[in-house]
Protein backbone atom coordinates (compact mmCIF):
# COMPACT_ATOMS: atom_id res chain seq x y z
CA MET A 1 122.65 70.27 91.75
CA THR A 2 119.42 68.55 92.69
CA ASP A 3 117.15 67.67 89.81
CA ALA A 4 114.44 70.27 89.26
CA THR A 5 111.68 67.70 89.42
CA THR A 6 112.58 66.82 93.01
CA GLN A 7 112.39 70.43 94.17
CA PRO A 8 108.97 71.16 95.68
CA ALA A 9 109.27 74.96 95.39
CA ALA A 10 106.37 74.89 97.81
CA ALA A 11 106.30 78.58 98.65
CA LEU A 12 106.29 79.75 95.02
CA ARG A 13 103.76 77.14 93.95
CA ALA A 14 101.44 78.35 96.68
CA GLU A 15 101.69 81.85 95.18
CA GLU A 16 101.34 80.78 91.52
CA ARG A 17 98.18 82.84 91.06
CA LYS A 18 100.11 85.98 91.98
CA LEU A 19 102.84 85.06 89.49
CA LEU A 20 100.27 84.91 86.71
CA ALA A 21 99.25 88.52 87.39
CA CYS A 22 102.40 89.83 85.65
CA VAL A 23 101.63 90.96 82.08
CA HIS A 24 105.33 91.40 81.23
CA CYS A 25 104.89 95.02 80.14
CA GLY A 26 108.30 96.08 81.46
CA LEU A 27 107.13 99.29 83.13
CA CYS A 28 108.81 98.08 86.32
CA LEU A 29 112.31 97.95 84.84
CA GLU A 30 113.35 101.58 85.14
CA ALA A 31 112.00 101.65 88.70
CA CYS A 32 114.36 98.82 89.69
CA PRO A 33 117.75 100.01 91.04
CA THR A 34 119.57 96.77 90.27
CA TYR A 35 118.32 96.67 86.67
CA VAL A 36 119.34 100.30 86.19
CA HIS A 37 122.86 99.49 87.39
CA THR A 38 123.39 96.17 85.56
CA GLY A 39 121.09 96.36 82.52
CA ASP A 40 120.50 92.62 82.97
CA GLU A 41 116.90 91.54 82.46
CA CYS A 42 117.33 88.90 85.16
CA ASP A 43 118.21 91.69 87.61
CA GLY A 44 114.86 93.36 87.00
CA PRO A 45 111.42 92.45 88.39
CA ARG A 46 110.14 91.03 85.12
CA GLY A 47 113.14 88.74 84.70
CA ARG A 48 112.99 87.61 88.30
CA LEU A 49 109.29 86.82 87.90
CA TYR A 50 110.15 84.69 84.83
CA LEU A 51 112.68 82.82 86.97
CA MET A 52 110.15 82.36 89.77
CA SER A 53 107.59 80.97 87.31
CA ALA A 54 110.20 78.57 85.96
CA VAL A 55 111.00 77.33 89.46
CA ALA A 56 107.33 77.02 90.38
CA GLY A 57 106.76 75.03 87.17
CA GLY A 58 109.72 72.73 87.80
CA ARG A 59 111.69 73.94 84.76
CA VAL A 60 114.47 75.41 86.92
CA ALA A 61 115.73 74.07 90.24
CA ALA A 62 115.33 76.25 93.32
CA ASP A 63 118.96 75.56 94.20
CA SER A 64 120.31 76.64 90.80
CA ARG A 65 123.06 79.23 90.98
CA ALA A 66 121.37 81.60 88.51
CA PHE A 67 118.15 81.66 90.52
CA ASP A 68 120.01 82.26 93.78
CA VAL A 69 122.21 85.03 92.35
CA HIS A 70 119.46 87.08 90.74
CA ILE A 71 116.95 86.67 93.57
CA SER A 72 119.60 87.46 96.19
CA ARG A 73 120.68 90.56 94.26
CA CYS A 74 117.19 92.06 94.56
CA LEU A 75 117.01 94.88 97.11
CA GLY A 76 113.39 94.12 97.91
CA CYS A 77 112.62 97.85 97.77
CA ARG A 78 109.22 97.18 96.13
CA ALA A 79 109.50 100.19 93.83
CA CYS A 80 108.27 97.86 91.08
CA GLU A 81 104.96 97.48 92.92
CA SER A 82 104.29 101.21 92.68
CA ALA A 83 105.13 101.15 88.96
CA CYS A 84 103.15 98.00 88.14
CA PRO A 85 99.79 98.59 86.39
CA ALA A 86 98.73 94.98 87.09
CA GLY A 87 99.20 95.16 90.85
CA VAL A 88 101.71 92.30 91.07
CA GLU A 89 102.47 91.62 94.75
CA TYR A 90 106.19 91.35 94.10
CA GLY A 91 107.31 91.67 97.73
CA GLN A 92 105.41 88.56 98.78
CA LEU A 93 106.66 86.65 95.74
CA LEU A 94 110.25 87.63 96.52
CA GLU A 95 109.92 86.31 100.07
CA ALA A 96 108.44 83.05 98.72
CA ALA A 97 111.34 82.69 96.28
CA ARG A 98 113.90 83.24 99.01
CA SER A 99 112.09 80.75 101.20
CA ASP A 100 112.40 78.10 98.49
CA ILE A 101 116.08 78.94 98.01
CA ALA A 102 116.71 78.62 101.74
CA ARG A 103 114.85 75.30 101.93
CA ALA A 104 116.83 73.99 98.97
CA GLY A 105 120.07 74.84 100.79
CA ALA A 106 121.34 76.96 97.92
CA ARG A 107 122.69 79.83 100.00
CA ARG A 108 126.25 79.05 100.87
CA GLY A 109 129.23 81.04 102.06
CA MET A 110 130.31 82.26 105.48
CA THR A 111 128.21 85.46 105.37
CA ASN A 112 124.96 83.61 104.68
CA ARG A 113 125.73 80.95 107.27
CA LEU A 114 126.42 83.64 109.87
CA LEU A 115 123.18 85.44 108.93
CA ARG A 116 121.12 82.26 109.30
CA PHE A 117 122.73 81.48 112.64
CA THR A 118 122.14 85.01 113.96
CA LEU A 119 118.52 85.15 112.85
CA ARG A 120 117.77 81.74 114.33
CA HIS A 121 119.77 81.82 117.55
CA VAL A 122 119.81 85.53 118.45
CA TRP A 123 116.94 87.41 116.79
CA LEU A 124 114.30 84.89 117.81
CA HIS A 125 115.34 85.16 121.47
CA PRO A 126 114.59 88.61 122.96
CA ALA A 127 117.01 88.32 125.90
CA ARG A 128 119.89 87.37 123.61
CA LEU A 129 118.99 90.14 121.20
CA ARG A 130 118.92 92.74 123.97
CA ALA A 131 122.35 91.55 125.10
CA ALA A 132 123.68 91.81 121.53
CA PHE A 133 122.42 95.36 121.17
CA ALA A 134 123.81 96.26 124.61
CA LEU A 135 127.23 95.11 123.41
CA ALA A 136 126.81 97.07 120.17
CA ARG A 137 125.94 100.22 122.12
CA LEU A 138 128.96 99.68 124.37
CA LEU A 139 131.26 99.54 121.35
CA ARG A 140 129.54 102.50 119.71
CA ASP A 141 129.56 104.70 122.81
CA ALA A 142 133.23 103.87 123.41
CA ARG A 143 133.73 105.55 120.01
CA LEU A 144 135.79 102.69 118.63
CA PRO A 145 133.90 102.62 115.30
CA ARG A 146 134.25 106.42 115.05
CA LEU A 147 137.99 106.15 115.64
CA LEU A 148 138.33 103.56 112.89
CA VAL A 149 136.34 105.71 110.44
CA ARG A 150 137.94 109.07 111.21
CA THR A 151 141.50 107.74 111.16
CA LYS A 152 140.78 105.98 107.84
CA LEU A 153 141.81 102.65 109.38
CA THR A 154 138.71 101.20 107.72
CA LYS A 155 140.73 101.18 104.48
CA PHE A 156 142.77 98.32 105.91
CA LEU A 157 139.72 96.28 106.95
CA PRO A 158 137.66 93.91 104.79
CA ARG A 159 134.85 95.83 103.05
CA ARG A 160 132.07 94.30 105.12
CA LEU A 161 133.85 94.92 108.41
CA ALA A 162 134.63 98.53 107.44
CA LEU A 163 131.00 99.08 106.51
CA ALA A 164 129.80 97.45 109.74
CA ALA A 165 131.95 99.86 111.76
CA ALA A 166 130.59 102.86 109.84
CA LEU A 167 127.01 101.62 110.21
CA LEU A 168 127.38 101.32 113.98
CA ASP A 169 128.94 104.77 114.20
CA ALA A 170 126.09 106.17 112.11
CA SER A 171 123.58 104.99 114.74
CA ALA A 172 125.12 107.25 117.39
CA PRO A 173 123.07 110.20 118.72
CA ASP A 174 123.69 113.59 117.15
CA ALA A 175 126.28 115.45 119.23
CA ARG A 176 125.03 118.96 118.45
CA PRO A 177 124.01 120.98 121.54
CA ALA A 178 120.55 121.66 120.14
CA ALA A 179 119.78 117.95 120.07
CA ARG A 180 120.85 117.19 123.61
CA GLY A 181 119.00 117.28 126.88
CA VAL A 182 115.46 116.26 125.92
CA GLY A 183 114.11 112.92 127.03
CA LYS A 184 117.36 111.32 128.13
CA ARG A 185 116.87 108.08 130.03
CA GLY A 186 117.28 108.74 133.71
CA GLY A 187 117.03 112.50 133.22
CA ALA A 188 114.38 114.92 134.41
CA ARG A 189 110.78 114.07 133.61
CA VAL A 190 109.43 115.75 130.49
CA VAL A 191 105.93 117.18 130.64
CA VAL A 192 104.34 117.88 127.27
CA LYS A 193 102.17 120.96 126.99
CA SER A 194 99.05 119.73 125.22
CA GLY A 195 98.25 123.11 123.73
CA GLY A 196 94.56 122.88 124.33
CA GLY A 197 92.30 120.35 125.98
CA GLU A 198 92.97 116.85 127.19
CA THR A 199 94.58 114.17 125.09
CA ALA A 200 91.87 112.91 122.76
CA ALA A 201 93.57 109.93 121.13
CA ARG A 202 95.77 107.01 122.07
CA ALA A 203 98.22 104.85 120.18
CA LEU A 204 100.40 101.80 120.77
CA LEU A 205 104.04 102.33 119.86
CA PHE A 206 105.94 99.58 118.09
CA GLU A 207 109.53 100.12 119.20
CA GLY A 208 111.34 97.72 116.84
CA CYS A 209 114.48 95.74 117.63
CA VAL A 210 116.95 98.13 116.00
CA GLY A 211 114.82 101.04 117.16
CA ALA A 212 114.91 99.96 120.81
CA GLY A 213 118.49 98.76 120.58
CA LEU A 214 120.20 101.64 118.78
CA PHE A 215 117.62 104.39 118.21
CA ALA A 216 115.77 104.71 121.52
CA ARG A 217 115.98 108.48 121.09
CA VAL A 218 113.74 108.24 118.01
CA ASN A 219 111.14 106.23 119.93
CA GLU A 220 111.22 108.80 122.74
CA ALA A 221 110.91 111.68 120.26
CA THR A 222 107.98 109.87 118.62
CA ALA A 223 106.12 109.57 121.92
CA ARG A 224 106.71 113.25 122.76
CA VAL A 225 105.63 114.51 119.34
CA LEU A 226 102.49 112.38 119.39
CA ALA A 227 101.64 113.67 122.87
CA ALA A 228 102.18 117.26 121.76
CA ASN A 229 99.61 116.60 119.04
CA GLY A 230 96.98 115.12 121.34
CA CYS A 231 97.85 111.43 121.07
CA ALA A 232 99.11 109.49 124.09
CA ALA A 233 101.42 106.65 123.09
CA SER A 234 102.43 103.62 125.13
CA ALA A 235 104.65 100.68 124.23
CA PRO A 236 103.10 97.28 125.07
CA ALA A 237 105.30 94.78 126.88
CA GLY A 238 106.09 91.53 125.13
CA GLN A 239 106.58 92.99 121.66
CA VAL A 240 109.47 91.56 119.64
CA CYS A 241 111.24 92.09 116.31
CA CYS A 242 108.80 92.57 113.44
CA GLY A 243 110.27 89.64 111.49
CA ALA A 244 111.29 91.60 108.39
CA LEU A 245 114.88 90.33 108.42
CA HIS A 246 113.64 86.73 108.62
CA ALA A 247 111.13 87.20 105.80
CA HIS A 248 113.71 88.90 103.57
CA ALA A 249 116.17 86.07 104.24
CA GLY A 250 113.61 83.40 103.36
CA ASP A 251 112.92 82.25 106.92
CA LEU A 252 109.15 82.63 106.75
CA GLU A 253 108.56 80.35 109.72
CA GLY A 254 110.82 82.53 111.85
CA ALA A 255 108.88 85.57 110.67
CA ARG A 256 105.58 83.88 111.57
CA ARG A 257 106.87 83.00 115.02
CA LEU A 258 107.64 86.67 115.69
CA ALA A 259 104.38 87.83 114.09
CA ARG A 260 102.32 85.67 116.43
CA ARG A 261 104.05 87.15 119.46
CA ASN A 262 103.43 90.70 118.27
CA VAL A 263 99.76 90.03 117.53
CA GLU A 264 99.46 88.76 121.11
CA ALA A 265 101.41 91.70 122.57
CA PHE A 266 99.18 94.31 120.92
CA ALA A 267 95.89 92.57 121.64
CA GLY A 268 95.21 94.54 124.84
CA ASP A 269 93.74 97.55 123.07
CA ALA A 270 92.21 96.27 119.86
CA HIS A 271 91.07 99.70 118.68
CA ALA A 272 94.21 101.79 119.14
CA PRO A 273 96.43 102.31 116.08
CA VAL A 274 99.82 100.59 116.07
CA VAL A 275 102.31 103.37 115.35
CA THR A 276 105.80 102.80 113.99
CA ASN A 277 108.64 105.13 113.07
CA ALA A 278 110.46 102.59 110.87
CA GLY A 279 109.32 102.12 107.30
CA GLY A 280 110.66 98.55 107.11
CA CYS A 281 108.94 97.51 110.32
CA GLY A 282 105.68 99.15 109.33
CA ALA A 283 105.54 97.40 105.97
CA MET A 284 106.25 94.07 107.67
CA LEU A 285 103.61 94.60 110.35
CA ALA A 286 101.10 95.49 107.65
CA SER A 287 101.86 92.17 105.92
CA TYR A 288 100.92 90.00 108.93
CA ALA A 289 97.47 89.56 107.41
CA GLN A 290 99.04 87.71 104.49
CA LEU A 291 101.79 86.03 106.52
CA LEU A 292 99.35 84.40 108.96
CA ALA A 293 96.43 84.05 106.54
CA HIS A 294 96.39 80.23 106.74
CA GLU A 295 96.62 79.93 110.53
CA GLU A 296 93.20 79.32 112.02
CA ASP A 297 94.04 80.79 115.43
CA TYR A 298 95.66 83.95 114.07
CA ALA A 299 94.28 84.77 110.61
CA GLU A 300 91.46 87.09 111.73
CA ARG A 301 93.52 88.66 114.50
CA ALA A 302 96.37 89.28 112.09
CA ARG A 303 94.03 91.00 109.60
CA SER A 304 92.76 93.26 112.38
CA PHE A 305 96.29 93.98 113.56
CA SER A 306 97.60 94.87 110.09
CA ALA A 307 94.68 97.23 109.49
CA ARG A 308 95.73 99.22 112.58
CA VAL A 309 99.35 99.82 111.53
CA ARG A 310 100.31 103.45 110.91
CA ASP A 311 103.59 105.24 110.37
CA VAL A 312 104.05 108.13 112.79
CA SER A 313 103.65 110.52 109.86
CA GLN A 314 100.32 108.92 108.94
CA GLN A 315 99.15 109.12 112.53
CA LEU A 316 100.07 112.81 112.69
CA ALA A 317 98.25 113.42 109.43
CA ALA A 318 95.15 112.07 111.18
CA THR A 319 95.57 114.09 114.38
CA GLY A 320 96.97 117.21 112.76
CA VAL A 321 100.48 118.57 113.24
CA ARG A 322 101.21 121.59 115.43
CA GLU A 323 103.67 124.11 114.11
CA GLY A 324 106.85 124.38 116.17
CA ALA A 325 109.78 126.78 116.04
CA ALA A 326 112.71 127.16 113.67
CA VAL A 327 115.59 124.72 114.19
CA GLY A 328 118.42 126.44 112.33
CA GLY A 329 119.50 127.41 108.88
CA GLU A 330 121.12 124.24 107.54
CA VAL A 331 119.92 123.05 104.14
CA THR A 332 117.64 120.08 104.75
CA THR A 333 116.23 117.43 102.44
CA TYR A 334 114.17 114.26 102.70
CA ASP A 335 114.93 110.75 101.45
CA ALA A 336 111.98 108.36 101.37
CA SER A 337 112.23 104.96 103.01
CA CYS A 338 111.38 102.40 100.32
CA HIS A 339 109.02 100.38 102.48
CA LEU A 340 107.41 103.52 103.85
CA ILE A 341 106.57 104.85 100.40
CA HIS A 342 105.97 101.57 98.54
CA GLY A 343 104.83 99.33 101.40
CA GLN A 344 102.84 101.71 103.61
CA ARG A 345 102.01 104.23 100.86
CA ALA A 346 103.12 107.21 102.95
CA HIS A 347 104.07 109.74 100.28
CA ASP A 348 103.28 113.26 101.47
CA GLU A 349 102.79 112.63 105.18
CA PRO A 350 106.50 112.78 106.16
CA LEU A 351 106.87 116.02 104.19
CA LYS A 352 103.96 117.50 106.14
CA MET A 353 105.89 116.81 109.34
CA LEU A 354 108.82 118.81 108.01
CA ALA A 355 106.47 121.55 106.78
CA ALA A 356 105.42 122.11 110.40
CA ILE A 357 108.93 123.46 111.12
CA PRO A 358 109.02 127.20 110.34
CA GLU A 359 111.80 128.65 108.18
CA LEU A 360 113.19 125.24 107.32
CA ARG A 361 115.62 125.55 104.39
CA PHE A 362 114.17 122.57 102.58
CA VAL A 363 115.37 121.42 99.15
CA PRO A 364 113.94 118.50 97.18
CA LEU A 365 116.22 115.52 96.57
CA GLU A 366 116.58 113.98 93.13
CA GLY A 367 115.83 110.27 93.36
CA SER A 368 114.42 110.58 96.85
CA ASP A 369 112.14 107.62 96.13
CA VAL A 370 115.04 105.39 95.02
CA CYS A 371 116.56 102.87 97.43
CA CYS A 372 119.72 103.84 99.32
CA GLY A 373 121.06 100.27 99.20
CA GLY A 374 120.60 99.43 102.88
CA ALA A 375 117.65 97.05 102.58
CA GLY A 376 117.97 95.36 105.98
CA VAL A 377 121.28 93.49 105.92
CA TYR A 378 121.55 93.59 102.12
CA ASN A 379 124.48 96.01 102.49
CA LEU A 380 126.44 93.35 104.38
CA VAL A 381 125.42 90.44 102.13
CA GLU A 382 125.49 92.08 98.67
CA THR A 383 128.04 94.76 99.50
CA GLY A 384 129.16 95.51 95.94
CA MET A 385 125.71 96.30 94.57
CA SER A 386 124.80 98.12 97.77
CA GLU A 387 127.80 100.43 97.34
CA ARG A 388 126.80 101.23 93.76
CA VAL A 389 123.25 102.14 94.77
CA LEU A 390 124.45 104.15 97.77
CA GLY A 391 127.03 105.99 95.68
CA GLU A 392 124.30 107.38 93.45
CA LYS A 393 122.31 108.49 96.51
CA LEU A 394 125.32 110.31 97.96
CA ARG A 395 125.95 112.09 94.64
CA HIS A 396 122.37 113.36 94.65
CA LEU A 397 122.78 114.59 98.22
CA GLU A 398 125.97 116.43 97.30
CA ARG A 399 124.28 118.10 94.32
CA ALA A 400 121.39 119.16 96.53
CA GLY A 401 123.83 120.87 98.89
CA ALA A 402 122.10 119.26 101.87
CA ARG A 403 123.70 119.24 105.30
CA VAL A 404 120.74 117.49 106.95
CA VAL A 405 118.83 114.57 105.46
CA ALA A 406 115.71 113.21 107.14
CA THR A 407 114.58 109.66 106.44
CA GLY A 408 111.96 107.47 108.08
CA ASN A 409 113.79 104.21 108.72
CA PRO A 410 116.73 103.35 111.01
CA GLY A 411 118.36 101.16 108.36
CA CYS A 412 118.33 104.08 105.93
CA GLN A 413 119.73 106.39 108.60
CA MET A 414 122.61 104.01 109.17
CA GLN A 415 123.23 103.31 105.48
CA ILE A 416 123.34 106.94 104.36
CA GLY A 417 125.23 107.96 107.50
CA ALA A 418 127.81 105.23 106.98
CA GLY A 419 128.32 106.19 103.35
CA ALA A 420 128.75 109.84 104.28
CA ARG A 421 131.31 108.96 106.95
CA LEU A 422 133.34 106.69 104.69
CA ASP A 423 133.29 109.33 101.92
CA GLY A 424 134.12 112.19 104.28
CA LEU A 425 130.85 114.07 103.68
CA ARG A 426 129.53 116.51 106.27
CA LEU A 427 126.00 115.27 106.65
CA ARG A 428 123.61 114.86 109.57
CA VAL A 429 121.15 112.00 109.06
CA CYS A 430 118.07 111.87 111.26
CA HIS A 431 114.40 110.90 111.39
CA PRO A 432 111.82 113.59 110.48
CA VAL A 433 110.27 113.14 113.93
CA GLU A 434 113.62 114.09 115.51
CA LEU A 435 113.60 117.42 113.69
CA LEU A 436 109.97 118.04 114.68
CA ASP A 437 110.81 117.09 118.26
CA GLU A 438 113.67 119.58 118.26
CA SER A 439 111.31 122.20 116.82
CA TYR A 440 108.80 121.56 119.61
CA ARG A 441 111.51 121.82 122.26
CA ARG A 442 112.55 125.20 120.91
CA ALA A 443 108.91 126.27 120.85
CA GLY A 444 108.65 125.47 124.57
CA PHE A 445 106.20 122.60 124.24
CA TYR A 446 108.12 120.54 126.80
CA ASP A 447 108.53 121.28 130.51
CA GLY A 448 110.91 119.75 133.06
CA ASN A 449 113.91 119.11 130.84
CA GLU A 450 114.43 122.27 128.84
CA THR A 451 117.80 122.90 127.25
CA ASN A 452 119.34 126.29 126.58
CA GLU A 453 120.98 127.15 123.29
CA ASP A 454 124.38 126.30 124.78
CA GLY A 455 123.13 122.80 125.51
CA GLN A 456 123.08 123.12 129.30
CA GLY A 457 119.99 121.94 131.14
């Protein structure tokens, strides 16, 4: 181990003022999923902040095993920020800590090496990333992951590989007839009935890398729903990954590189809101102001960009949400994306989207504001803890009797869907905007690609 005095801990030292904001009251502990599961103070926000202060002060080395283990075990859900009376900016401190760990070379093991390689040599290069997602879709659409899951062959695979197969299968489009036929690529053109007057607002749609790669249907549904509510959405060319995976992994320079490109891509219409349908992406985009705060050429532009970021539910709250038609009688619930509720502060807005669907058999979900254990690629890096957190979420869903769960982040959709598949639960996982889109289709708001109840165009 390198001597602590030789470790610069540059990222944490730069954030030392934010570390001092913690008053050590402990109100964050019960909001922390990892602390609840382990009971270890070092697996709670307060304990991790103590460790960060020790590293920043040179009393503990950034490459120490204890620091790496407890910081890596954090989900980064930011629930502690909502519980904190002192306003500690824990998410930014966590990213700084992981940056110092990465710079110290503490993260070892094949999984972490593969993650670093992928983030550096694939995620930072749009053409390579598109090719990777094209391959993933090919495997998914060939139903190989589904075959592995349904035949229980995943039991014979390593845990991470079994989970990866289930995650990919969980990204597949819903096969129900009612969900087919609207907005398919290459299909008939969809004309949205505005329902009164010309479109009065415009927005720029952030598609996201996972969103564009595996959940294009959600982006298409988002654009249709916004148009039906008087807001025309377009997706600027040149946009790239938001950088959340890099920031969470401690690669802050990689995150800044992507942030600069997105600030440039969305500069064409400086007054239009930047709308996302992914809680993780939205929280990251909103943090560009802090991420690029010390870059002379980008600081002011980044502040302006971050101020424009809206979740689709927040944008609809501003425009108003038209009521659609009933979508069926299945019991439906809502699970909050951590970064949507704690990062973007969208609490009631997603529920208002669901409230616009008549006769929806909605039931509240216990622990809906608690992390599902996905947390980017946390489920593949810290698989054991992720499974414990997910197991609790699935038990709550079973007790609620839900057959449909809506959640506002693709990672959450995949995590909950994968858990349900591996546990044999009958559960449809979707985005709230997909349900509202289906409701609008049934209400006849779309022309040119209508689908009958039997699913035929």
